[in-house]
C-alpha atoms as a PDB file:
ATOM      1  CA  MET A   1      37.816 -22.366  95.755  1.00  0.00           C
ATOM      2  CA  ASN A   2      38.152 -19.753  98.468  1.00  0.00           C
ATOM      3  CA  SER A   3      35.220 -17.408  99.016  1.00  0.00           C
ATOM      4  CA  PRO A   4      35.527 -14.111  97.121  1.00  0.00           C
ATOM      5  CA  SER A   5      36.577 -11.069  99.088  1.00  0.00           C
ATOM      6  CA  TYR A   6      33.234  -9.270  98.970  1.00  0.00           C
ATOM      7  CA  THR A   7      31.488 -11.978 100.998  1.00  0.00           C
ATOM      8  CA  THR A   8      33.579 -10.911 103.994  1.00  0.00           C
ATOM      9  CA  LEU A   9      32.773  -7.237 103.438  1.00  0.00           C
ATOM     10  CA  PHE A  10      29.098  -8.092 103.072  1.00  0.00           C
ATOM     11  CA  ALA A  11      29.013 -10.043 106.347  1.00  0.00           C
ATOM     12  CA  SER A  12      30.706  -7.190 108.230  1.00  0.00           C
ATOM     13  CA  GLY A  13      28.447  -4.474 106.814  1.00  0.00           C
ATOM     14  CA  THR A  14      31.409  -2.764 105.142  1.00  0.00           C
ATOM     15  CA  LEU A  15      30.076  -3.426 101.655  1.00  0.00           C
ATOM     16  CA  ALA A  16      26.934  -1.396 102.410  1.00  0.00           C
ATOM     17  CA  LEU A  17      29.124   1.487 103.577  1.00  0.00           C
ATOM     18  CA  ARG A  18      31.122   1.302 100.345  1.00  0.00           C
ATOM     19  CA  VAL A  19      27.890   1.560  98.370  1.00  0.00           C
ATOM     20  CA  GLU A  20      27.054   4.780 100.204  1.00  0.00           C
ATOM     21  CA  GLN A  21      30.550   6.204  99.718  1.00  0.00           C
ATOM     22  CA  ALA A  22      30.518   5.436  95.999  1.00  0.00           C
ATOM     23  CA  ALA A  23      27.030   6.870  95.519  1.00  0.00           C
ATOM     24  CA  SER A  24      28.250  10.193  96.926  1.00  0.00           C
ATOM     25  CA  LEU A  25      30.528  10.542  93.871  1.00  0.00           C
ATOM     26  CA  LEU A  26      27.543  10.814  91.521  1.00  0.00           C
ATOM     27  CA  SER A  27      25.975  14.112  92.602  1.00  0.00           C
ATOM     28  CA  SER A  28      28.933  16.058  91.176  1.00  0.00           C
ATOM     29  CA  CYS A  29      30.472  13.222  89.255  1.00  0.00           C
ATOM     30  CA  THR A  30      34.061  12.349  90.129  1.00  0.00           C
ATOM     31  CA  VAL A  31      33.812   8.626  89.442  1.00  0.00           C
ATOM     32  CA  CYS A  32      36.598   8.737  86.828  1.00  0.00           C
ATOM     33  CA  PRO A  33      39.480  11.101  85.994  1.00  0.00           C
ATOM     34  CA  ARG A  34      37.241  13.210  83.752  1.00  0.00           C
ATOM     35  CA  ARG A  35      35.566  14.641  86.872  1.00  0.00           C
ATOM     36  CA  CYS A  36      32.710  16.002  84.759  1.00  0.00           C
ATOM     37  CA  GLY A  37      30.947  17.420  87.813  1.00  0.00           C
ATOM     38  CA  ILE A  38      27.447  16.728  86.460  1.00  0.00           C
ATOM     39  CA  ASP A  39      24.669  15.481  88.728  1.00  0.00           C
ATOM     40  CA  ARG A  40      24.074  11.888  87.748  1.00  0.00           C
ATOM     41  CA  THR A  41      21.574  11.441  90.571  1.00  0.00           C
ATOM     42  CA  GLN A  42      19.368  13.660  88.382  1.00  0.00           C
ATOM     43  CA  ASP A  43      20.313  11.554  85.336  1.00  0.00           C
ATOM     44  CA  GLU A  44      22.567  14.212  83.853  1.00  0.00           C
ATOM     45  CA  ARG A  45      25.070  12.897  81.299  1.00  0.00           C
ATOM     46  CA  GLY A  46      28.754  13.654  80.993  1.00  0.00           C
ATOM     47  CA  TYR A  47      31.555  12.457  78.723  1.00  0.00           C
ATOM     48  CA  CYS A  48      30.868   8.736  79.201  1.00  0.00           C
ATOM     49  CA  GLY A  49      27.141   9.053  78.509  1.00  0.00           C
ATOM     50  CA  GLY A  50      26.236   7.277  81.729  1.00  0.00           C
ATOM     51  CA  GLY A  51      23.434   8.600  83.900  1.00  0.00           C
ATOM     52  CA  LEU A  52      21.947   7.274  87.112  1.00  0.00           C
ATOM     53  CA  LEU A  53      21.338   3.713  85.940  1.00  0.00           C
ATOM     54  CA  PRO A  54      23.975   1.345  84.545  1.00  0.00           C
ATOM     55  CA  ALA A  55      23.712   0.566  80.827  1.00  0.00           C
ATOM     56  CA  VAL A  56      24.419  -2.995  79.688  1.00  0.00           C
ATOM     57  CA  SER A  57      25.038  -4.066  76.114  1.00  0.00           C
ATOM     58  CA  SER A  58      25.033  -7.839  76.687  1.00  0.00           C
ATOM     59  CA  TYR A  59      26.014 -10.541  79.136  1.00  0.00           C
ATOM     60  CA  GLY A  60      26.801 -14.234  79.071  1.00  0.00           C
ATOM     61  CA  PRO A  61      29.557 -16.854  79.323  1.00  0.00           C
ATOM     62  CA  HIS A  62      32.622 -15.826  77.320  1.00  0.00           C
ATOM     63  CA  PHE A  63      35.322 -18.218  76.137  1.00  0.00           C
ATOM     64  CA  GLY A  64      37.645 -15.751  74.408  1.00  0.00           C
ATOM     65  CA  GLU A  65      39.333 -14.315  77.494  1.00  0.00           C
ATOM     66  CA  GLU A  66      42.643 -15.402  79.021  1.00  0.00           C
ATOM     67  CA  PRO A  67      42.686 -19.151  79.836  1.00  0.00           C
ATOM     68  CA  PRO A  68      42.799 -18.708  83.645  1.00  0.00           C
ATOM     69  CA  LEU A  69      39.572 -16.695  83.455  1.00  0.00           C
ATOM     70  CA  VAL A  70      37.761 -19.003  81.050  1.00  0.00           C
ATOM     71  CA  GLY A  71      38.427 -22.350  82.698  1.00  0.00           C
ATOM     72  CA  ARG A  72      35.901 -24.987  81.666  1.00  0.00           C
ATOM     73  CA  TYR A  73      32.637 -23.071  81.879  1.00  0.00           C
ATOM     74  CA  GLY A  74      33.608 -19.605  80.718  1.00  0.00           C
ATOM     75  CA  SER A  75      34.022 -16.133  82.153  1.00  0.00           C
ATOM     76  CA  GLY A  76      30.694 -14.516  83.003  1.00  0.00           C
ATOM     77  CA  THR A  77      31.014 -11.261  81.104  1.00  0.00           C
ATOM     78  CA  ILE A  78      28.808  -8.201  81.483  1.00  0.00           C
ATOM     79  CA  PHE A  79      29.522  -5.604  78.783  1.00  0.00           C
ATOM     80  CA  PHE A  80      28.696  -2.075  79.919  1.00  0.00           C
ATOM     81  CA  ALA A  81      27.724   0.512  77.311  1.00  0.00           C
ATOM     82  CA  GLY A  82      29.612   3.781  77.046  1.00  0.00           C
ATOM     83  CA  CYS A  83      33.211   4.562  77.942  1.00  0.00           C
ATOM     84  CA  ASN A  84      35.331   7.330  79.426  1.00  0.00           C
ATOM     85  CA  MET A  85      37.789   7.137  76.509  1.00  0.00           C
ATOM     86  CA  ARG A  86      37.483   7.530  72.721  1.00  0.00           C
ATOM     87  CA  CYS A  87      39.950   5.053  71.230  1.00  0.00           C
ATOM     88  CA  ILE A  88      39.830   5.669  67.476  1.00  0.00           C
ATOM     89  CA  TYR A  89      40.596   2.011  66.762  1.00  0.00           C
ATOM     90  CA  CYS A  90      38.139   0.520  69.277  1.00  0.00           C
ATOM     91  CA  GLN A  91      36.864  -2.910  68.223  1.00  0.00           C
ATOM     92  CA  ASN A  92      33.750  -2.440  70.376  1.00  0.00           C
ATOM     93  CA  TYR A  93      32.930   0.952  68.893  1.00  0.00           C
ATOM     94  CA  GLY A  94      29.186   0.317  68.808  1.00  0.00           C
ATOM     95  CA  ILE A  95      29.152  -0.454  72.516  1.00  0.00           C
ATOM     96  CA  SER A  96      31.729   2.011  73.785  1.00  0.00           C
ATOM     97  CA  GLN A  97      31.057   5.102  71.676  1.00  0.00           C
ATOM     98  CA  ARG A  98      27.627   4.621  70.164  1.00  0.00           C
ATOM     99  CA  ARG A  99      26.474   3.238  73.510  1.00  0.00           C
ATOM    100  CA  HIS A 100      24.447   0.368  72.135  1.00  0.00           C
ATOM    101  CA  GLY A 101      22.742  -1.118  75.164  1.00  0.00           C
ATOM    102  CA  ALA A 102      19.891  -0.664  77.611  1.00  0.00           C
ATOM    103  CA  GLU A 103      19.727   0.862  81.052  1.00  0.00           C
ATOM    104  CA  VAL A 104      18.922  -1.603  83.812  1.00  0.00           C
ATOM    105  CA  SER A 105      18.099  -1.334  87.484  1.00  0.00           C
ATOM    106  CA  PRO A 106      20.669  -2.395  90.096  1.00  0.00           C
ATOM    107  CA  GLU A 107      18.338  -5.309  90.868  1.00  0.00           C
ATOM    108  CA  ARG A 108      18.434  -6.423  87.236  1.00  0.00           C
ATOM    109  CA  LEU A 109      22.224  -6.089  87.139  1.00  0.00           C
ATOM    110  CA  ALA A 110      22.428  -8.225  90.282  1.00  0.00           C
ATOM    111  CA  GLY A 111      20.139 -10.751  88.579  1.00  0.00           C
ATOM    112  CA  MET A 112      22.571 -10.981  85.655  1.00  0.00           C
ATOM    113  CA  MET A 113      25.394 -11.779  88.066  1.00  0.00           C
ATOM    114  CA  LEU A 114      23.365 -14.494  89.752  1.00  0.00           C
ATOM    115  CA  ASP A 115      22.317 -15.937  86.386  1.00  0.00           C
ATOM    116  CA  LEU A 116      25.960 -16.191  85.304  1.00  0.00           C
ATOM    117  CA  GLN A 117      26.773 -17.966  88.558  1.00  0.00           C
ATOM    118  CA  GLU A 118      23.913 -20.412  87.972  1.00  0.00           C
ATOM    119  CA  ARG A 119      25.371 -21.095  84.519  1.00  0.00           C
ATOM    120  CA  LEU A 120      28.571 -22.190  86.292  1.00  0.00           C
ATOM    121  CA  CYS A 121      30.742 -19.313  85.069  1.00  0.00           C
ATOM    122  CA  HIS A 122      33.963 -19.086  87.051  1.00  0.00           C
ATOM    123  CA  ASN A 123      33.717 -15.346  87.653  1.00  0.00           C
ATOM    124  CA  ILE A 124      31.746 -12.175  86.976  1.00  0.00           C
ATOM    125  CA  ASN A 125      33.732 -10.241  84.356  1.00  0.00           C
ATOM    126  CA  LEU A 126      32.784  -6.547  84.391  1.00  0.00           C
ATOM    127  CA  VAL A 127      33.848  -5.135  81.014  1.00  0.00           C
ATOM    128  CA  SER A 128      34.371  -1.339  80.768  1.00  0.00           C
ATOM    129  CA  PRO A 129      33.126  -0.709  84.317  1.00  0.00           C
ATOM    130  CA  SER A 130      34.960   2.516  85.181  1.00  0.00           C
ATOM    131  CA  HIS A 131      32.016   4.880  84.711  1.00  0.00           C
ATOM    132  CA  PHE A 132      29.564   2.669  86.621  1.00  0.00           C
ATOM    133  CA  VAL A 133      31.485   1.776  89.794  1.00  0.00           C
ATOM    134  CA  PRO A 134      28.799   3.073  92.215  1.00  0.00           C
ATOM    135  CA  GLN A 135      26.050   1.183  90.415  1.00  0.00           C
ATOM    136  CA  ILE A 136      28.146  -1.988  90.269  1.00  0.00           C
ATOM    137  CA  LEU A 137      28.793  -1.862  94.002  1.00  0.00           C
ATOM    138  CA  GLN A 138      25.071  -1.497  94.645  1.00  0.00           C
ATOM    139  CA  ALA A 139      24.348  -4.512  92.441  1.00  0.00           C
ATOM    140  CA  VAL A 140      27.040  -6.591  94.157  1.00  0.00           C
ATOM    141  CA  LEU A 141      25.461  -5.814  97.533  1.00  0.00           C
ATOM    142  CA  ILE A 142      22.073  -7.011  96.267  1.00  0.00           C
ATOM    143  CA  ALA A 143      23.581 -10.103  94.642  1.00  0.00           C
ATOM    144  CA  ALA A 144      25.626 -10.973  97.743  1.00  0.00           C
ATOM    145  CA  GLU A 145      22.443 -10.911  99.794  1.00  0.00           C
ATOM    146  CA  LYS A 146      21.057 -13.522  97.398  1.00  0.00           C
ATOM    147  CA  GLY A 147      24.077 -15.794  97.421  1.00  0.00           C
ATOM    148  CA  LEU A 148      26.565 -14.516  94.844  1.00  0.00           C
ATOM    149  CA  ALA A 149      29.873 -16.192  95.678  1.00  0.00           C
ATOM    150  CA  ILE A 150      32.214 -16.177  92.666  1.00  0.00           C
ATOM    151  CA  PRO A 151      35.105 -13.757  92.031  1.00  0.00           C
ATOM    152  CA  LEU A 152      34.603 -10.349  90.459  1.00  0.00           C
ATOM    153  CA  VAL A 153      36.849  -9.304  87.564  1.00  0.00           C
ATOM    154  CA  TYR A 154      37.341  -5.566  86.941  1.00  0.00           C
ATOM    155  CA  ASN A 155      38.117  -5.478  83.193  1.00  0.00           C
ATOM    156  CA  THR A 156      39.122  -1.889  82.501  1.00  0.00           C
ATOM    157  CA  GLY A 157      40.805   0.389  79.989  1.00  0.00           C
ATOM    158  CA  THR A 158      42.530   1.809  83.096  1.00  0.00           C
ATOM    159  CA  TYR A 159      41.407   5.402  82.882  1.00  0.00           C
ATOM    160  CA  ASP A 160      40.628   5.123  86.588  1.00  0.00           C
ATOM    161  CA  THR A 161      41.420   7.105  89.713  1.00  0.00           C
ATOM    162  CA  VAL A 162      43.090   5.552  92.725  1.00  0.00           C
ATOM    163  CA  GLU A 163      40.355   7.075  94.901  1.00  0.00           C
ATOM    164  CA  THR A 164      37.632   5.119  93.090  1.00  0.00           C
ATOM    165  CA  LEU A 165      39.721   1.957  92.976  1.00  0.00           C
ATOM    166  CA  ARG A 166      40.075   2.085  96.752  1.00  0.00           C
ATOM    167  CA  LEU A 167      36.309   1.734  97.036  1.00  0.00           C
ATOM    168  CA  LEU A 168      36.752  -1.624  95.310  1.00  0.00           C
ATOM    169  CA  GLU A 169      39.368  -2.931  97.740  1.00  0.00           C
ATOM    170  CA  GLY A 170      38.138  -6.215  99.156  1.00  0.00           C
ATOM    171  CA  VAL A 171      35.338  -6.302  96.573  1.00  0.00           C
ATOM    172  CA  VAL A 172      37.248  -7.071  93.373  1.00  0.00           C
ATOM    173  CA  ASP A 173      39.303 -10.267  93.410  1.00  0.00           C
ATOM    174  CA  ILE A 174      40.823 -10.034  89.937  1.00  0.00           C
ATOM    175  CA  TYR A 175      41.853  -6.817  88.215  1.00  0.00           C
ATOM    176  CA  MET A 176      42.313  -6.992  84.438  1.00  0.00           C
ATOM    177  CA  PRO A 177      43.588  -3.577  83.330  1.00  0.00           C
ATOM    178  CA  ASP A 178      44.782  -2.487  79.916  1.00  0.00           C
ATOM    179  CA  ALA A 179      48.212  -0.878  79.894  1.00  0.00           C
ATOM    180  CA  LYS A 180      47.611   1.011  76.671  1.00  0.00           C
ATOM    181  CA  TYR A 181      50.227   3.712  76.282  1.00  0.00           C
ATOM    182  CA  GLY A 182      53.635   4.764  77.450  1.00  0.00           C
ATOM    183  CA  ARG A 183      53.463   8.302  76.083  1.00  0.00           C
ATOM    184  CA  GLU A 184      51.100  11.122  76.954  1.00  0.00           C
ATOM    185  CA  GLU A 185      50.796  12.655  73.492  1.00  0.00           C
ATOM    186  CA  ILE A 186      49.801   9.315  71.939  1.00  0.00           C
ATOM    187  CA  ALA A 187      47.114   8.744  74.560  1.00  0.00           C
ATOM    188  CA  ARG A 188      45.657  12.180  73.861  1.00  0.00           C
ATOM    189  CA  VAL A 189      45.461  11.681  70.107  1.00  0.00           C
ATOM    190  CA  LEU A 190      44.391   8.042  69.933  1.00  0.00           C
ATOM    191  CA  SER A 191      42.092   7.841  72.970  1.00  0.00           C
ATOM    192  CA  ASP A 192      41.353  11.441  74.015  1.00  0.00           C
ATOM    193  CA  ALA A 193      42.783  10.444  77.392  1.00  0.00           C
ATOM    194  CA  PRO A 194      44.905  13.248  78.851  1.00  0.00           C
ATOM    195  CA  GLY A 195      47.164  12.111  81.657  1.00  0.00           C
ATOM    196  CA  TYR A 196      46.685   8.455  80.771  1.00  0.00           C
ATOM    197  CA  PRO A 197      50.223   7.087  81.331  1.00  0.00           C
ATOM    198  CA  ALA A 198      50.508   8.486  84.863  1.00  0.00           C
ATOM    199  CA  LEU A 199      46.949   7.502  85.768  1.00  0.00           C
ATOM    200  CA  MET A 200      47.470   4.008  84.371  1.00  0.00           C
ATOM    201  CA  GLN A 201      50.700   3.577  86.312  1.00  0.00           C
ATOM    202  CA  ASP A 202      49.127   4.728  89.582  1.00  0.00           C
ATOM    203  CA  ALA A 203      46.166   2.415  88.961  1.00  0.00           C
ATOM    204  CA  LEU A 204      48.379  -0.609  88.304  1.00  0.00           C
ATOM    205  CA  LEU A 205      50.287  -0.011  91.520  1.00  0.00           C
ATOM    206  CA  GLU A 206      47.049   0.300  93.475  1.00  0.00           C
ATOM    207  CA  MET A 207      45.603  -2.850  91.930  1.00  0.00           C
ATOM    208  CA  GLN A 208      48.802  -4.754  92.685  1.00  0.00           C
ATOM    209  CA  ARG A 209      48.679  -3.521  96.270  1.00  0.00           C
ATOM    210  CA  GLN A 210      45.125  -4.751  96.642  1.00  0.00           C
ATOM    211  CA  VAL A 211      45.280  -8.194  95.039  1.00  0.00           C
ATOM    212  CA  GLY A 212      48.929  -9.049  94.272  1.00  0.00           C
ATOM    213  CA  ASP A 213      50.187 -11.386  91.584  1.00  0.00           C
ATOM    214  CA  LEU A 214      47.745 -13.725  89.869  1.00  0.00           C
ATOM    215  CA  VAL A 215      46.888 -16.884  91.813  1.00  0.00           C
ATOM    216  CA  VAL A 216      45.652 -19.794  89.698  1.00  0.00           C
ATOM    217  CA  ARG A 217      44.246 -22.968  91.244  1.00  0.00           C
ATOM    218  CA  ASP A 218      43.286 -25.998  89.155  1.00  0.00           C
ATOM    219  CA  GLY A 219      43.704 -23.881  86.042  1.00  0.00           C
ATOM    220  CA  VAL A 220      41.286 -21.143  87.162  1.00  0.00           C
ATOM    221  CA  ALA A 221      42.176 -17.672  88.416  1.00  0.00           C
ATOM    222  CA  GLU A 222      41.169 -16.987  92.001  1.00  0.00           C
ATOM    223  CA  ARG A 223      42.762 -13.626  92.743  1.00  0.00           C
ATOM    224  CA  GLY A 224      45.329 -11.199  91.435  1.00  0.00           C
ATOM    225  CA  LEU A 225      46.333  -8.983  88.559  1.00  0.00           C
ATOM    226  CA  VAL A 226      46.112  -9.760  84.831  1.00  0.00           C
ATOM    227  CA  ILE A 227      47.579  -6.975  82.685  1.00  0.00           C
ATOM    228  CA  ARG A 228      46.809  -6.581  78.988  1.00  0.00           C
ATOM    229  CA  HIS A 229      49.017  -4.715  76.547  1.00  0.00           C
ATOM    230  CA  LEU A 230      47.873  -4.339  72.950  1.00  0.00           C
ATOM    231  CA  VAL A 231      50.770  -3.976  70.515  1.00  0.00           C
ATOM    232  CA  LEU A 232      50.076  -1.147  68.046  1.00  0.00           C
ATOM    233  CA  PRO A 233      51.649  -0.624  64.605  1.00  0.00           C
ATOM    234  CA  GLY A 234      54.722   1.571  64.601  1.00  0.00           C
ATOM    235  CA  ASP A 235      55.169   0.999  68.346  1.00  0.00           C
ATOM    236  CA  LEU A 236      52.542   3.658  69.022  1.00  0.00           C
ATOM    237  CA  ALA A 237      51.738   1.939  72.317  1.00  0.00           C
ATOM    238  CA  GLY A 238      55.274   2.542  73.600  1.00  0.00           C
ATOM    239  CA  SER A 239      55.728  -1.107  74.579  1.00  0.00           C
ATOM    240  CA  ASP A 240      59.217  -0.649  75.993  1.00  0.00           C
ATOM    241  CA  VAL A 241      58.062   2.094  78.375  1.00  0.00           C
ATOM    242  CA  VAL A 242      54.949   0.196  79.458  1.00  0.00           C
ATOM    243  CA  LEU A 243      56.666  -3.146  80.017  1.00  0.00           C
ATOM    244  CA  GLU A 244      59.605  -1.556  81.822  1.00  0.00           C
ATOM    245  CA  PHE A 245      57.178  -0.005  84.292  1.00  0.00           C
ATOM    246  CA  ILE A 246      55.413  -3.320  84.862  1.00  0.00           C
ATOM    247  CA  GLY A 247      58.637  -5.267  85.327  1.00  0.00           C
ATOM    248  CA  GLU A 248      60.455  -2.676  87.419  1.00  0.00           C
ATOM    249  CA  ARG A 249      57.635  -1.127  89.453  1.00  0.00           C
ATOM    250  CA  VAL A 250      54.665  -3.509  89.544  1.00  0.00           C
ATOM    251  CA  SER A 251      56.059  -7.064  89.694  1.00  0.00           C
ATOM    252  CA  ARG A 252      58.232  -9.368  87.653  1.00  0.00           C
ATOM    253  CA  GLU A 253      55.686 -12.056  88.523  1.00  0.00           C
ATOM    254  CA  ALA A 254      52.909 -10.052  86.856  1.00  0.00           C
ATOM    255  CA  TYR A 255      50.754 -12.018  84.403  1.00  0.00           C
ATOM    256  CA  VAL A 256      50.918  -9.992  81.183  1.00  0.00           C
ATOM    257  CA  ASN A 257      48.927 -10.741  78.031  1.00  0.00           C
ATOM    258  CA  ILE A 258      50.809  -9.105  75.148  1.00  0.00           C
ATOM    259  CA  MET A 259      48.113  -9.018  72.494  1.00  0.00           C
ATOM    260  CA  ASP A 260      48.681  -9.240  68.741  1.00  0.00           C
ATOM    261  CA  GLN A 261      45.108  -8.843  67.522  1.00  0.00           C
ATOM    262  CA  TYR A 262      45.187  -5.161  66.561  1.00  0.00           C
ATOM    263  CA  ARG A 263      43.042  -4.460  63.504  1.00  0.00           C
ATOM    264  CA  TRP A 264      42.000  -1.087  62.147  1.00  0.00           C
ATOM    265  CA  ASN A 265      38.275  -0.627  62.657  1.00  0.00           C
ATOM    266  CA  THR A 266      37.113   0.246  59.158  1.00  0.00           C
ATOM    267  CA  SER A 267      33.638   1.097  60.423  1.00  0.00           C
ATOM    268  CA  VAL A 268      35.004   4.246  62.054  1.00  0.00           C
ATOM    269  CA  SER A 269      37.654   5.126  59.474  1.00  0.00           C
ATOM    270  CA  SER A 270      37.477   8.436  57.702  1.00  0.00           C
ATOM    271  CA  PRO A 271      38.498   9.331  54.152  1.00  0.00           C
ATOM    272  CA  ASP A 272      40.485  12.226  55.590  1.00  0.00           C
ATOM    273  CA  PHE A 273      42.243  10.112  58.230  1.00  0.00           C
ATOM    274  CA  ARG A 274      45.718  11.088  57.011  1.00  0.00           C
ATOM    275  CA  GLU A 275      44.832  14.772  57.296  1.00  0.00           C
ATOM    276  CA  LYS A 276      43.276  14.411  60.740  1.00  0.00           C
ATOM    277  CA  TYR A 277      46.017  12.175  62.159  1.00  0.00           C
ATOM    278  CA  PRO A 278      49.294  13.006  60.409  1.00  0.00           C
ATOM    279  CA  GLY A 279      52.046  10.658  61.497  1.00  0.00           C
ATOM    280  CA  PHE A 280      49.619   7.926  62.525  1.00  0.00           C
ATOM    281  CA  GLU A 281      49.143   6.256  59.147  1.00  0.00           C
ATOM    282  CA  ALA A 282      50.587   3.019  60.584  1.00  0.00           C
ATOM    283  CA  LEU A 283      47.218   2.459  62.265  1.00  0.00           C
ATOM    284  CA  LEU A 284      45.696   1.673  58.884  1.00  0.00           C
ATOM    285  CA  ARG A 285      47.568  -1.650  58.792  1.00  0.00           C
ATOM    286  CA  GLY A 286      47.978  -4.581  61.142  1.00  0.00           C
ATOM    287  CA  ILE A 287      51.081  -5.195  63.213  1.00  0.00           C
ATOM    288  CA  THR A 288      54.051  -7.094  61.822  1.00  0.00           C
ATOM    289  CA  GLU A 289      55.730 -10.159  63.300  1.00  0.00           C
ATOM    290  CA  GLU A 290      58.751  -7.994  64.057  1.00  0.00           C
ATOM    291  CA  GLU A 291      56.642  -5.447  65.962  1.00  0.00           C
ATOM    292  CA  TYR A 292      55.081  -8.174  68.075  1.00  0.00           C
ATOM    293  CA  GLY A 293      58.438  -9.851  68.607  1.00  0.00           C
ATOM    294  CA  TYR A 294      59.876  -6.546  69.794  1.00  0.00           C
ATOM    295  CA  ALA A 295      57.213  -6.299  72.516  1.00  0.00           C
ATOM    296  CA  ILE A 296      57.953  -9.845  73.649  1.00  0.00           C
ATOM    297  CA  ARG A 297      61.670  -9.049  73.822  1.00  0.00           C
ATOM    298  CA  CYS A 298      60.908  -5.956  75.894  1.00  0.00           C
ATOM    299  CA  ALA A 299      58.906  -8.039  78.368  1.00  0.00           C
ATOM    300  CA  ARG A 300      61.708 -10.538  78.762  1.00  0.00           C
ATOM    301  CA  LYS A 301      64.278  -7.761  79.102  1.00  0.00           C
ATOM    302  CA  TYR A 302      62.473  -6.515  82.197  1.00  0.00           C
ATOM    303  CA  GLY A 303      62.127  -9.958  83.780  1.00  0.00           C
ATOM    304  CA  LEU A 304      58.506 -10.633  82.885  1.00  0.00           C
ATOM    305  CA  HIS A 305      57.756 -14.281  82.173  1.00  0.00           C
ATOM    306  CA  ARG A 306      54.077 -15.048  82.915  1.00  0.00           C
ATOM    307  CA  GLY A 307      51.397 -14.809  80.255  1.00  0.00           C
ATOM    308  CA  PHE A 308      52.435 -13.388  76.843  1.00  0.00           C
END
């Protein structure tokens, strides 16, 4: 396997400069599109709930990701607590919105990365990292000094700014973004994510520019883009719009996982759901075979053929 990109940045001293640049975003926080403006260097908390230190829910080898990430020994996942979105159907509600987890030092976060490498994981899979990019970069610098040398996966809901993503150029080898919605009004209601479609599209283009199409060697991903699209009941995700953008603007060689595992999260359901979300009652059921088949047909219509 080729050495991950960040080892080159570390050797040149560029990675240390990136850590400084990213840290400067925290004093009036502009890490994500929310641009809360709070001073996280003083441990103030904004929308995501993150302060100065990164918060981790759990970490360990994970075998439920896409096959090129899992390989033989698993993807080394680190689940960050908190999120910069509020998806009403989130399956990780306790982690993302109740913020179940513990704050750790950058040194401890680096230690987790090294532990996952020692356990032979094929990569470090950073789950919901958008609100902790500066802290992650600091931990990668520490871990690189101690011999970390496996690819980094940026596993994101894709409410990210291009400016922050550019700090990750040459650091992240594999981007794994969600392409959640094709329509603005749906993103606002279901995820409290104004501007999501345009931000997601800009992010996908930037990620593609940085790492290109997915490269798999001996069954294991080395570098590139893996896009996830969760099919929602009633086509609330706007699959045709999303998949057209990927096929026409990102790449027809893009690896796209069209996911069929939507389930309504009954732990966050409300007895007045129909009053609060009129027109969204379809969310209370799973998707149908026809709805999933429609998304697959959309992908093929726009020339996509990898993944699914």
